[in-house]
Every structure is written in C-alpha cells, then in structure tokens.
Amino acid sequence: YGDFHKDWQRFVKTWFNQPARKFRRRQNRIKKARAVAPRPAAGPLRPVVRCPTFRYHTKRAGRGFTLQELRAAGLNAPFARSVGIAVDYRRRNKSVESLQLNAQGLKEYRSKLILFPRHEKQKLRKGEATAEERKVATQLKTEVMPIRSVAKSKARVISDAEKEFKAYVYLRKARADARLVGIRA
C-alpha cells in the first residue's frame, strides 16, 4: 500500500463534469446533424475492409474507397467526395473479391442517392433530383449502409474428410510455401 505519498491530494482527478460533458456531446451531435442536413448525420459512406491479421477474420468499416473501386463503379474521386463517399487513395485492393464487393456497394449507394441540384434556379443536370424527390428526402440518423454480418450456418454432421483435415499443418505448410517461393523454384 505504498502508493499515496508526496501530497497525493493535489493529484486527485475528479469526474464531476461527466454528466455535463455527456449532455454537451449530445448537443454537439445534434448541432452537427442539423448543419449537414439532409446529408447523413453519421458521416460519409465507408468501404468494407478485413482486419489485417488472419486471426481477426472480421469485416469492418475502412477509411475510404480505393480509386480502383471508384473506377469500377463508374465514379471519380472529386465527385465521390462531393456526394458523401469517403476516398482513401493510399489503400490498395489485394483481391478481386474485395474490389467487387465495394464496387457493388458504391453502385447500390448511387442508386439510392437523392442528389440535390447545385443551383436552384438553373435547369436540372443529369442525375439531379426533381422538386418532388427532394421533398421526400430525409436525413439518415444511423450509419450509411451498415456492414451486416453473414448468417451463421446450421449444425451438421462432420464428414470423414473434415475429421482427417489438419488445419494447423495445412496453414504452416501454406506459410512455408509462401516464404520459400523464390528459393524452391
């Protein structure tokens, strides 16, 4: 119990401002949502990414879409940013599957989008919403197109091939093959 020496009363940290801080955060959230309306309150659309290590085989929201994903969906980066799509030019697509999945998400988002015209007075340009469509537009309070986890598979009998399969050995072998790919050739 040799902790509280050296005039410890000076270093006591109080939390009496916690409820007020919670209230202030809420007020700021509401203020921000009003300021960006009718855009989504939770911010721009983000891509589905897999966490780096193979242990965490989960999908989560990434920072932004790659330029290849935008190209596959028929968009360019400045336009994408202007319609609430996050863009990350540093990210690279390591697989065709991830590229297709995110490009599909972009196309779906684009089809649901109600695009307000830049200038009220001028003639509507291609893709811009009419006055009737703009009336029905509401602000999305939750996340834009949240990532849904896939439904779990039903229980079944384990086959003999699955029983004989040695997952750890298989993974070690795959790792060794990847490591020695140039040496063995």
Protein backbone atom coordinates (compact mmCIF):
# COMPACT_ATOMS: atom_id res chain seq x y z
CA TYR A 1 0.00 0.00 0.00
CA GLY A 2 2.88 2.37 -0.62
CA ASP A 3 1.10 4.44 -3.24
CA PHE A 4 -0.27 7.70 -1.91
CA HIS A 5 2.81 9.57 -0.75
CA LYS A 6 4.03 13.03 -1.67
CA ASP A 7 0.92 15.14 -1.06
CA TRP A 8 -1.44 12.91 -3.08
CA GLN A 9 -4.43 15.22 -2.59
CA ARG A 10 -3.02 17.52 -5.28
CA PHE A 11 -3.22 14.76 -7.90
CA VAL A 12 -6.80 13.61 -7.31
CA LYS A 13 -8.78 13.73 -10.55
CA THR A 14 -12.49 14.35 -10.22
CA TRP A 15 -15.23 13.41 -12.68
CA PHE A 16 -17.96 15.82 -11.61
CA ASN A 17 -18.24 17.17 -15.15
CA GLN A 18 -19.20 13.79 -16.64
CA PRO A 19 -22.98 14.36 -16.96
CA ALA A 20 -22.47 17.86 -18.36
CA ARG A 21 -19.88 16.55 -20.82
CA LYS A 22 -22.31 13.84 -21.96
CA PHE A 23 -25.00 16.48 -22.47
CA ARG A 24 -22.60 18.76 -24.38
CA ARG A 25 -21.52 15.90 -26.67
CA ARG A 26 -25.17 15.15 -27.44
CA GLN A 27 -25.93 18.80 -28.17
CA ASN A 28 -22.92 18.99 -30.50
CA ARG A 29 -24.04 15.84 -32.32
CA ILE A 30 -27.50 17.35 -32.85
CA LYS A 31 -25.99 20.67 -33.97
CA LYS A 32 -23.70 18.91 -36.47
CA ALA A 33 -26.59 16.79 -37.82
CA ARG A 34 -28.63 19.97 -38.38
CA ALA A 35 -25.71 21.68 -40.09
CA VAL A 36 -25.09 18.84 -42.58
CA ALA A 37 -28.79 18.06 -43.23
CA PRO A 38 -30.08 16.47 -45.46
CA ARG A 39 -26.74 14.61 -45.66
CA PRO A 40 -26.37 11.55 -43.37
CA ALA A 41 -25.58 12.53 -39.78
CA ALA A 42 -23.07 9.70 -39.26
CA GLY A 43 -20.71 10.91 -41.99
CA PRO A 44 -19.73 9.54 -45.40
CA LEU A 45 -20.10 6.02 -46.81
CA ARG A 46 -17.13 3.83 -45.88
CA PRO A 47 -15.90 0.59 -47.51
CA VAL A 48 -15.99 -2.94 -46.10
CA VAL A 49 -12.46 -3.98 -45.11
CA ARG A 50 -10.95 -7.01 -43.41
CA CYS A 51 -8.74 -6.51 -40.39
CA PRO A 52 -5.01 -7.02 -41.10
CA THR A 53 -4.08 -10.22 -39.25
CA PHE A 54 -5.57 -13.54 -40.30
CA ARG A 55 -6.80 -14.11 -36.75
CA TYR A 56 -9.27 -11.25 -36.95
CA HIS A 57 -11.28 -12.51 -39.90
CA THR A 58 -13.96 -9.89 -39.33
CA LYS A 59 -15.19 -7.18 -41.63
CA ARG A 60 -15.40 -3.57 -40.51
CA ALA A 61 -15.71 -0.10 -41.99
CA GLY A 62 -12.47 1.19 -43.50
CA ARG A 63 -11.23 4.75 -44.01
CA GLY A 64 -12.20 5.19 -47.65
CA PHE A 65 -12.74 3.57 -51.03
CA THR A 66 -9.79 2.95 -53.34
CA LEU A 67 -9.53 4.65 -56.72
CA GLN A 68 -9.94 1.25 -58.43
CA GLU A 69 -13.23 0.64 -56.57
CA LEU A 70 -14.50 4.06 -57.62
CA ARG A 71 -13.46 3.39 -61.23
CA ALA A 72 -15.25 0.01 -61.18
CA ALA A 73 -18.43 1.77 -60.00
CA GLY A 74 -18.05 4.44 -62.70
CA LEU A 75 -17.20 7.36 -60.38
CA ASN A 76 -14.26 9.70 -59.95
CA ALA A 77 -12.72 10.83 -56.66
CA PRO A 78 -13.77 14.53 -56.57
CA PHE A 79 -17.39 13.69 -57.44
CA ALA A 80 -17.44 10.80 -54.94
CA ARG A 81 -16.22 13.09 -52.14
CA SER A 82 -18.87 15.67 -53.03
CA VAL A 83 -21.71 13.12 -52.67
CA GLY A 84 -20.67 11.66 -49.31
CA ILE A 85 -18.31 8.83 -50.26
CA ALA A 86 -15.03 8.58 -48.34
CA VAL A 87 -11.97 8.19 -50.59
CA ASP A 88 -8.59 6.79 -49.50
CA TYR A 89 -6.05 6.94 -52.33
CA ARG A 90 -3.42 5.05 -50.26
CA ARG A 91 -5.43 1.86 -49.83
CA ARG A 92 -4.78 -0.97 -52.31
CA ASN A 93 -7.08 -3.81 -53.33
CA LYS A 94 -5.36 -7.11 -52.59
CA SER A 95 -8.15 -9.24 -54.03
CA VAL A 96 -10.73 -9.10 -56.80
CA GLU A 97 -13.45 -10.11 -54.32
CA SER A 98 -12.97 -7.07 -52.08
CA LEU A 99 -12.91 -4.78 -55.12
CA GLN A 100 -16.14 -6.24 -56.50
CA LEU A 101 -17.87 -6.17 -53.10
CA ASN A 102 -17.08 -2.49 -52.52
CA ALA A 103 -17.84 -1.51 -56.13
CA GLN A 104 -21.23 -3.19 -55.74
CA GLY A 105 -21.82 -1.22 -52.52
CA LEU A 106 -20.97 2.01 -54.33
CA LYS A 107 -23.41 1.22 -57.14
CA GLU A 108 -26.16 0.46 -54.61
CA TYR A 109 -25.46 3.72 -52.75
CA ARG A 110 -25.51 5.67 -56.02
CA SER A 111 -28.90 4.17 -56.95
CA LYS A 112 -30.42 5.20 -53.58
CA LEU A 113 -28.89 8.68 -53.62
CA ILE A 114 -31.10 11.78 -53.94
CA LEU A 115 -28.80 14.37 -55.47
CA PHE A 116 -29.76 17.98 -54.74
CA PRO A 117 -29.04 20.44 -57.58
CA ARG A 118 -26.05 22.79 -57.30
CA HIS A 119 -28.12 25.82 -58.37
CA GLU A 120 -31.82 26.13 -57.55
CA LYS A 121 -32.65 28.46 -60.44
CA GLN A 122 -30.85 26.69 -63.28
CA LYS A 123 -32.08 23.73 -65.34
CA LEU A 124 -31.58 20.32 -63.70
CA ARG A 125 -28.49 18.43 -64.80
CA LYS A 126 -28.29 14.66 -65.35
CA GLY A 127 -28.72 12.72 -62.08
CA GLU A 128 -30.12 15.62 -60.04
CA ALA A 129 -33.39 15.16 -58.17
CA THR A 130 -36.63 16.92 -59.02
CA ALA A 131 -38.54 19.06 -56.50
CA GLU A 132 -40.89 16.15 -55.63
CA GLU A 133 -37.99 13.78 -54.99
CA ARG A 134 -36.29 16.40 -52.80
CA LYS A 135 -39.41 16.75 -50.65
CA VAL A 136 -39.32 13.06 -49.67
CA ALA A 137 -35.60 13.19 -48.78
CA THR A 138 -34.99 12.65 -45.06
CA GLN A 139 -31.76 12.72 -43.10
CA LEU A 140 -30.34 9.33 -42.16
CA LYS A 141 -29.53 9.36 -38.43
CA THR A 142 -27.76 5.99 -38.35
CA GLU A 143 -24.70 4.76 -40.24
CA VAL A 144 -24.90 4.76 -44.05
CA MET A 145 -25.37 1.19 -45.32
CA PRO A 146 -24.01 -0.57 -42.20
CA ILE A 147 -21.94 -3.75 -42.55
CA ARG A 148 -24.10 -6.79 -41.87
CA SER A 149 -22.52 -9.99 -40.61
CA VAL A 150 -23.40 -13.13 -42.59
CA ALA A 151 -25.94 -15.52 -41.07
CA LYS A 152 -24.38 -18.48 -39.25
CA SER A 153 -24.56 -21.90 -40.89
CA LYS A 154 -26.75 -24.64 -39.39
CA ALA A 155 -25.29 -27.52 -37.37
CA ARG A 156 -24.49 -30.68 -39.38
CA VAL A 157 -22.59 -33.95 -39.12
CA ILE A 158 -18.82 -33.62 -39.59
CA SER A 159 -17.63 -35.62 -42.60
CA ASP A 160 -14.64 -38.01 -42.54
CA ALA A 161 -12.63 -35.74 -44.83
CA GLU A 162 -13.14 -32.85 -42.38
CA LYS A 163 -12.08 -35.04 -39.46
CA GLU A 164 -8.87 -36.05 -41.22
CA PHE A 165 -8.04 -32.48 -42.28
CA LYS A 166 -5.25 -30.99 -40.15
CA ALA A 167 -5.81 -27.24 -40.20
CA TYR A 168 -2.66 -26.23 -38.34
CA VAL A 169 -0.37 -28.36 -40.51
CA TYR A 170 -2.08 -27.04 -43.64
CA LEU A 171 -1.60 -23.42 -42.54
CA ARG A 172 2.06 -23.99 -41.61
CA LYS A 173 2.66 -25.62 -44.99
CA ALA A 174 0.97 -22.74 -46.82
CA ARG A 175 3.08 -20.25 -44.90
CA ALA A 176 6.28 -22.17 -45.62
CA ASP A 177 5.40 -22.39 -49.32
CA ALA A 178 4.78 -18.65 -49.47
CA ARG A 179 8.05 -17.94 -47.65
CA LEU A 180 10.18 -20.24 -49.83
CA VAL A 181 8.54 -19.46 -53.16
CA GLY A 182 11.69 -17.98 -54.74
CA ILE A 183 14.20 -20.32 -53.09
CA ARG A 184 12.47 -23.56 -54.12
CA ALA A 185 11.89 -22.52 -57.74
